[in-house]
Amino acid sequence: MRSLRVVGLLLATVLPALGNDTSAVLTTGGLEFVTNPDIVMASEELFISADEIRVVYQFRNDGAKDQSVLVAFPMPDIVPSVYSPVAFPTGPDDNLFEFSTTLDGQPVEATLHEYAYAHGVDRTKLLRQLGLPLVPISEAASATTDALGEETRATLLHFGLLMPDEYDVGEGMKMHYWPAWTYKATYTWEAVFPAGETVEVVHTYTPSVGGTVGVSFLGEAYDDYDPAREYAERYCTDESFLSGVRKTLRDPNDPWSAPFTESWISYILTTGSNWAGNGIERFRLVIDKGDPNNLVSFCGEGVTKIGPTTFEMVKENFWPEQELNVLILNRMPDSQ
């Protein structure tokens, strides 16, 4: 099969979320991301909230010729969990993230590529053969897996595609089986980048938002897990932030008594370094914590508060070396 050069617009998300643009080729094995030597990411404006991700890119073709490329935009993985309070996107199965994009202001019709993985292995073909929906978080998927025959169920359990769960719905304790595969999706479309010119690409979509029903990082370390250390590494929760949260504890001896719930949002930044030039020439990040009473923490330099709920970071010639992870502590309404 002929390989197509691809400019991959990688957005990030929870689990992790979506990521930055990068380049790629489309092969018989799927999309493979590579470096593009001519197209520069002149700027990226990234807005992140629990309700929306919005990205505005300016791409400049420094090459001598126009480039017709296949643009690829991978979406965040969807990892179903019966027990984790994740706010998954609720769009239709053929556009779960309610993803939309424009090129120089004109809507783009994108092709959706979908995959189902378990333990790092692509099981898309198997699920299609069994007539199972690839989106694992829908009621249709749960009903279908729960009604599988014993032999098929055993096969899917063996591959790690099902999660057993025993509970009572008024008919006594019964075993039920939930979809456990990871859903991966990428949108692609063809675009022309004229030589010596700059084009604007805009994406919007609904993120997956992970979280907890309480503050989980104030507890003591146990076994080989230290929640405070993990959060410090992932979200840069320093002692000042922790001290502020501790002051809100209803019971000083109960680390779960802080009047907050957690929201986690992730965005893949590192693929922005796959473009020509010195990374992203101008990068601007705006994070909205949603409510003035909420708290937010993320790893960044030179962050300034620009509004009651918004924080900004601006970088020149930004070479992203790690992904962006955002922690929002949502103040409970009855505690304000």
Protein backbone atom coordinates (compact mmCIF):
# COMPACT_ATOMS: atom_id res chain seq x y z
CA MET A 1 0.00 0.00 0.00
CA ARG A 2 1.20 3.52 -0.82
CA SER A 3 2.33 5.48 2.25
CA LEU A 4 0.86 8.96 2.66
CA ARG A 5 2.65 11.76 4.44
CA VAL A 6 0.58 12.87 7.38
CA VAL A 7 0.59 15.96 9.50
CA GLY A 8 -0.81 14.66 12.76
CA LEU A 9 -2.76 17.07 14.89
CA LEU A 10 -2.39 15.31 18.20
CA LEU A 11 -4.65 16.66 20.88
CA ALA A 12 -4.44 15.52 24.32
CA THR A 13 -6.79 14.01 26.94
CA VAL A 14 -7.70 12.28 30.23
CA LEU A 15 -6.50 9.15 30.49
CA PRO A 16 -4.35 10.70 28.96
CA ALA A 17 -6.25 13.24 27.03
CA LEU A 18 -5.45 14.65 23.61
CA GLY A 19 -2.24 15.86 22.15
CA ASN A 20 -0.43 18.22 19.85
CA ASP A 21 -0.04 18.09 16.12
CA THR A 22 2.67 15.95 14.66
CA SER A 23 3.54 14.36 11.31
CA ALA A 24 2.76 10.81 10.27
CA VAL A 25 2.46 8.23 7.53
CA LEU A 26 -0.56 6.04 6.93
CA THR A 27 0.56 2.43 6.41
CA THR A 28 -1.13 -0.95 6.29
CA GLY A 29 -0.52 -1.12 10.04
CA GLY A 30 -2.22 2.20 10.76
CA LEU A 31 -0.98 5.69 11.48
CA GLU A 32 2.70 6.16 12.28
CA PHE A 33 3.85 9.62 13.38
CA VAL A 34 7.08 11.06 12.00
CA THR A 35 8.89 14.41 11.80
CA ASN A 36 7.91 17.01 9.20
CA PRO A 37 10.98 18.98 8.01
CA ASP A 38 9.23 21.92 6.31
CA ILE A 39 6.06 22.85 8.18
CA VAL A 40 6.58 25.01 11.27
CA MET A 41 4.14 25.33 14.15
CA ALA A 42 4.28 29.12 14.30
CA SER A 43 1.91 29.31 17.24
CA GLU A 44 -0.43 27.30 19.41
CA GLU A 45 -3.20 28.79 21.55
CA LEU A 46 -4.49 26.12 23.94
CA PHE A 47 -7.56 26.58 26.14
CA ILE A 48 -8.37 23.87 28.69
CA SER A 49 -11.39 23.52 30.94
CA ALA A 50 -13.41 20.60 32.25
CA ASP A 51 -16.05 21.34 29.60
CA GLU A 52 -14.03 22.07 26.49
CA ILE A 53 -10.62 21.83 24.87
CA ARG A 54 -10.00 24.46 22.19
CA VAL A 55 -6.79 24.71 20.16
CA VAL A 56 -5.84 27.31 17.55
CA TYR A 57 -2.74 26.50 15.50
CA GLN A 58 -0.83 28.64 13.00
CA PHE A 59 1.21 26.47 10.63
CA ARG A 60 3.76 27.96 8.21
CA ASN A 61 5.18 26.06 5.25
CA ASP A 62 8.84 27.11 4.95
CA GLY A 63 9.41 24.70 2.07
CA ALA A 64 9.76 25.70 -1.60
CA LYS A 65 6.66 23.78 -2.70
CA ASP A 66 3.05 23.45 -1.66
CA GLN A 67 2.50 20.37 0.48
CA SER A 68 -0.60 18.20 0.24
CA VAL A 69 -0.63 16.21 3.46
CA LEU A 70 -2.87 13.88 5.37
CA VAL A 71 -3.63 15.56 8.67
CA ALA A 72 -4.11 13.22 11.64
CA PHE A 73 -5.62 14.15 14.95
CA PRO A 74 -5.54 11.38 17.59
CA MET A 75 -8.13 11.67 20.34
CA PRO A 76 -7.61 10.71 24.00
CA ASP A 77 -7.94 7.08 24.98
CA ILE A 78 -11.20 6.03 26.59
CA VAL A 79 -10.48 3.52 29.37
CA PRO A 80 -13.74 2.30 30.94
CA SER A 81 -13.91 1.81 34.69
CA VAL A 82 -16.87 0.71 36.76
CA TYR A 83 -15.45 2.28 39.90
CA SER A 84 -13.72 5.50 38.79
CA PRO A 85 -15.96 8.60 38.50
CA VAL A 86 -14.79 9.63 35.04
CA ALA A 87 -16.90 12.13 33.09
CA PHE A 88 -16.70 10.62 29.61
CA PRO A 89 -17.77 12.53 26.49
CA THR A 90 -21.40 11.88 25.63
CA GLY A 91 -21.51 12.49 21.89
CA PRO A 92 -22.78 9.91 19.38
CA ASP A 93 -20.66 6.81 18.74
CA ASP A 94 -19.48 8.18 15.38
CA ASN A 95 -18.28 11.43 17.01
CA LEU A 96 -17.97 10.63 20.70
CA PHE A 97 -15.86 13.70 21.53
CA GLU A 98 -18.06 16.06 19.49
CA PHE A 99 -14.87 16.94 17.67
CA SER A 100 -14.91 19.70 15.07
CA THR A 101 -12.15 21.35 13.08
CA THR A 102 -11.69 24.17 10.60
CA LEU A 103 -8.91 25.03 8.15
CA ASP A 104 -8.62 28.77 7.51
CA GLY A 105 -12.16 29.16 8.79
CA GLN A 106 -13.69 26.47 6.60
CA PRO A 107 -15.22 23.34 8.19
CA VAL A 108 -13.28 20.15 7.53
CA GLU A 109 -14.95 16.79 6.95
CA ALA A 110 -12.75 14.26 8.74
CA THR A 111 -12.58 10.47 8.57
CA LEU A 112 -12.76 8.62 11.89
CA HIS A 113 -10.38 5.69 12.52
CA GLU A 114 -11.34 3.56 15.54
CA TYR A 115 -9.47 0.87 17.45
CA ALA A 116 -10.02 -1.33 20.49
CA TYR A 117 -7.03 -2.38 22.62
CA ALA A 118 -6.54 -4.60 25.65
CA HIS A 119 -3.16 -5.01 27.38
CA GLY A 120 -1.52 -3.18 24.48
CA VAL A 121 -2.86 -5.56 21.81
CA ASP A 122 -5.15 -4.42 18.99
CA ARG A 123 -8.40 -6.43 19.28
CA THR A 124 -10.45 -4.33 16.85
CA LYS A 125 -10.89 -7.13 14.32
CA LEU A 126 -12.13 -9.58 16.97
CA LEU A 127 -14.73 -7.17 18.34
CA ARG A 128 -15.97 -6.35 14.85
CA GLN A 129 -16.28 -10.07 14.06
CA LEU A 130 -18.41 -10.51 17.18
CA GLY A 131 -20.57 -7.50 16.31
CA LEU A 132 -19.54 -5.61 19.43
CA PRO A 133 -19.48 -1.79 19.38
CA LEU A 134 -15.97 -0.34 19.65
CA VAL A 135 -17.03 2.44 22.02
CA PRO A 136 -17.00 0.63 25.39
CA ILE A 137 -18.83 3.18 27.54
CA SER A 138 -22.25 3.06 25.90
CA GLU A 139 -25.28 1.26 27.30
CA ALA A 140 -25.41 -0.76 24.09
CA ALA A 141 -21.88 -2.06 24.67
CA SER A 142 -22.63 -3.04 28.27
CA ALA A 143 -25.87 -4.79 27.30
CA THR A 144 -24.12 -6.68 24.50
CA THR A 145 -21.21 -7.92 26.60
CA ASP A 146 -23.55 -8.91 29.43
CA ALA A 147 -25.53 -11.11 27.01
CA LEU A 148 -22.56 -12.97 25.49
CA GLY A 149 -22.51 -16.75 25.34
CA GLU A 150 -20.26 -18.63 27.73
CA GLU A 151 -17.62 -19.59 25.15
CA THR A 152 -17.31 -16.09 23.70
CA ARG A 153 -17.26 -14.59 27.19
CA ALA A 154 -14.41 -16.90 28.19
CA THR A 155 -12.41 -15.80 25.15
CA LEU A 156 -12.90 -12.12 25.90
CA LEU A 157 -12.07 -12.61 29.57
CA HIS A 158 -8.86 -14.39 28.55
CA PHE A 159 -7.84 -11.41 26.39
CA GLY A 160 -8.69 -8.90 29.12
CA LEU A 161 -11.61 -7.45 27.17
CA LEU A 162 -14.21 -7.93 29.90
CA MET A 163 -14.48 -6.96 33.56
CA PRO A 164 -16.60 -9.25 35.80
CA ASP A 165 -18.76 -7.54 38.40
CA GLU A 166 -21.18 -9.27 40.78
CA TYR A 167 -24.14 -7.33 42.16
CA ASP A 168 -27.85 -7.54 42.93
CA VAL A 169 -30.47 -5.69 40.89
CA GLY A 170 -33.38 -7.15 42.84
CA GLU A 171 -33.02 -10.71 41.57
CA GLY A 172 -30.25 -11.90 43.85
CA MET A 173 -26.51 -11.69 43.34
CA LYS A 174 -25.57 -12.20 39.70
CA MET A 175 -22.35 -11.87 37.74
CA HIS A 176 -22.30 -9.19 35.06
CA TYR A 177 -19.62 -8.43 32.48
CA TRP A 178 -18.56 -4.93 31.49
CA PRO A 179 -16.51 -3.84 28.45
CA ALA A 180 -12.89 -3.40 29.54
CA TRP A 181 -11.14 -2.53 26.29
CA THR A 182 -9.47 0.82 25.62
CA TYR A 183 -11.02 2.85 22.82
CA LYS A 184 -8.60 4.71 20.55
CA ALA A 185 -9.73 7.11 17.85
CA THR A 186 -8.01 9.31 15.27
CA TYR A 187 -9.52 11.76 12.82
CA THR A 188 -7.80 12.30 9.45
CA TRP A 189 -8.34 14.65 6.52
CA GLU A 190 -6.30 15.99 3.61
CA ALA A 191 -5.09 19.58 3.54
CA VAL A 192 -2.84 21.78 1.42
CA PHE A 193 -0.13 23.91 3.05
CA PRO A 194 0.92 26.55 0.45
CA ALA A 195 4.64 27.32 0.21
CA GLY A 196 5.64 30.39 2.19
CA GLU A 197 2.18 30.86 3.67
CA THR A 198 0.56 30.39 7.08
CA VAL A 199 -2.70 28.52 7.61
CA GLU A 200 -4.89 28.38 10.70
CA VAL A 201 -6.24 25.12 12.10
CA VAL A 202 -8.81 25.19 14.92
CA HIS A 203 -10.03 22.21 16.94
CA THR A 204 -12.67 21.96 19.63
CA TYR A 205 -13.79 18.86 21.51
CA THR A 206 -15.18 17.61 24.79
CA PRO A 207 -12.52 16.13 27.09
CA SER A 208 -12.69 13.07 29.28
CA VAL A 209 -12.39 14.21 32.88
CA GLY A 210 -11.18 11.76 35.50
CA GLY A 211 -11.38 12.37 39.21
CA THR A 212 -12.34 11.31 42.69
CA VAL A 213 -15.24 12.05 45.04
CA GLY A 214 -12.82 13.53 47.59
CA VAL A 215 -9.24 14.74 47.98
CA SER A 216 -7.02 11.68 47.72
CA PHE A 217 -3.48 13.07 48.03
CA LEU A 218 -3.39 14.08 51.72
CA GLY A 219 -3.34 10.51 53.02
CA GLU A 220 -0.29 8.71 54.36
CA ALA A 221 1.87 6.60 52.07
CA TYR A 222 1.11 2.90 52.11
CA ASP A 223 2.84 -0.15 50.62
CA ASP A 224 4.78 1.24 47.65
CA TYR A 225 2.39 4.11 46.94
CA ASP A 226 2.79 7.68 48.13
CA PRO A 227 -0.12 9.83 46.88
CA ALA A 228 1.54 13.11 47.84
CA ARG A 229 4.66 12.27 45.84
CA GLU A 230 2.66 11.12 42.82
CA TYR A 231 0.62 14.33 42.76
CA ALA A 232 3.73 16.46 43.23
CA GLU A 233 5.34 14.80 40.20
CA ARG A 234 2.23 14.85 38.04
CA TYR A 235 0.58 18.15 39.01
CA CYS A 236 3.36 20.07 40.84
CA THR A 237 1.30 20.29 44.03
CA ASP A 238 3.82 22.11 46.23
CA GLU A 239 3.71 22.59 50.00
CA SER A 240 1.89 25.91 49.69
CA PHE A 241 -0.91 24.23 47.74
CA LEU A 242 -1.09 21.30 50.16
CA SER A 243 -1.15 23.64 53.15
CA GLY A 244 -4.06 25.55 51.67
CA VAL A 245 -6.04 22.34 51.18
CA ARG A 246 -5.25 21.10 54.70
CA LYS A 247 -6.70 24.31 56.16
CA THR A 248 -10.09 23.37 54.72
CA LEU A 249 -10.27 19.95 56.42
CA ARG A 250 -13.50 19.54 58.37
CA ASP A 251 -11.67 17.03 60.58
CA PRO A 252 -7.88 17.56 60.87
CA ASN A 253 -7.45 13.82 61.47
CA ASP A 254 -9.39 12.81 58.34
CA PRO A 255 -7.49 13.58 55.10
CA TRP A 256 -10.66 12.84 53.08
CA SER A 257 -12.66 15.57 54.84
CA ALA A 258 -11.50 18.45 52.61
CA PRO A 259 -14.57 19.98 50.91
CA PHE A 260 -13.43 19.26 47.35
CA THR A 261 -13.76 16.72 44.59
CA GLU A 262 -10.92 16.19 42.11
CA SER A 263 -10.97 16.58 38.34
CA TRP A 264 -8.05 15.45 36.17
CA ILE A 265 -7.40 16.63 32.63
CA SER A 266 -4.40 15.66 30.51
CA TYR A 267 -3.07 17.02 27.22
CA ILE A 268 -0.25 15.59 25.10
CA LEU A 269 2.25 18.35 24.35
CA THR A 270 5.41 16.48 23.33
CA THR A 271 4.32 15.80 19.74
CA GLY A 272 4.57 19.55 19.16
CA SER A 273 8.34 19.06 18.98
CA ASN A 274 8.00 17.00 15.77
CA TRP A 275 7.66 20.06 13.57
CA ALA A 276 10.36 21.95 11.71
CA GLY A 277 12.27 24.68 13.49
CA ASN A 278 12.71 25.11 17.20
CA GLY A 279 9.56 23.51 18.58
CA ILE A 280 6.49 25.76 18.89
CA GLU A 281 7.53 29.33 18.04
CA ARG A 282 4.87 30.87 20.29
CA PHE A 283 2.84 28.85 22.78
CA ARG A 284 0.02 30.26 24.91
CA LEU A 285 -1.85 28.18 27.45
CA VAL A 286 -5.01 29.28 29.26
CA ILE A 287 -6.51 27.04 31.94
CA ASP A 288 -9.96 27.74 33.37
CA LYS A 289 -10.62 26.19 36.79
CA GLY A 290 -14.37 26.70 36.35
CA ASP A 291 -15.36 28.46 39.58
CA PRO A 292 -13.57 31.12 41.66
CA ASN A 293 -13.82 28.86 44.72
CA ASN A 294 -12.06 25.98 42.96
CA LEU A 295 -8.31 25.34 43.20
CA VAL A 296 -6.02 24.36 40.34
CA SER A 297 -2.48 22.99 40.07
CA PHE A 298 -0.32 22.09 37.06
CA CYS A 299 3.34 22.17 36.09
CA GLY A 300 4.31 25.38 34.33
CA GLU A 301 6.69 28.33 34.43
CA GLY A 302 5.75 31.99 34.51
CA VAL A 303 2.07 31.30 35.12
CA THR A 304 -0.05 34.40 35.76
CA LYS A 305 -3.67 34.80 36.80
CA ILE A 306 -5.58 36.70 34.11
CA GLY A 307 -9.15 36.38 35.39
CA PRO A 308 -11.26 35.13 38.31
CA THR A 309 -10.91 31.53 37.07
CA THR A 310 -8.24 31.66 34.35
CA PHE A 311 -4.46 31.24 34.38
CA GLU A 312 -2.04 31.90 31.52
CA MET A 313 1.40 30.67 30.49
CA VAL A 314 3.22 32.05 27.44
CA LYS A 315 6.42 30.58 25.97
CA GLU A 316 8.59 31.45 22.98
CA ASN A 317 10.35 28.70 21.00
CA PHE A 318 8.70 26.17 23.28
CA TRP A 319 10.12 22.65 23.08
CA PRO A 320 7.69 20.48 25.08
CA GLU A 321 9.44 17.69 26.97
CA GLN A 322 6.54 16.40 29.06
CA GLU A 323 2.77 16.15 28.89
CA LEU A 324 0.43 18.62 30.56
CA ASN A 325 -1.60 17.32 33.51
CA VAL A 326 -4.12 19.57 35.23
CA LEU A 327 -5.64 19.03 38.68
CA ILE A 328 -8.80 20.97 39.54
CA LEU A 329 -10.23 20.81 43.05
CA ASN A 330 -13.95 21.54 42.82
CA ARG A 331 -15.33 23.19 45.94
CA MET A 332 -18.47 21.43 47.17
CA PRO A 333 -21.48 23.79 47.05
CA ASP A 334 -22.52 23.33 50.69
CA SER A 335 -19.04 24.20 52.01
CA GLN A 336 -18.63 27.72 50.63
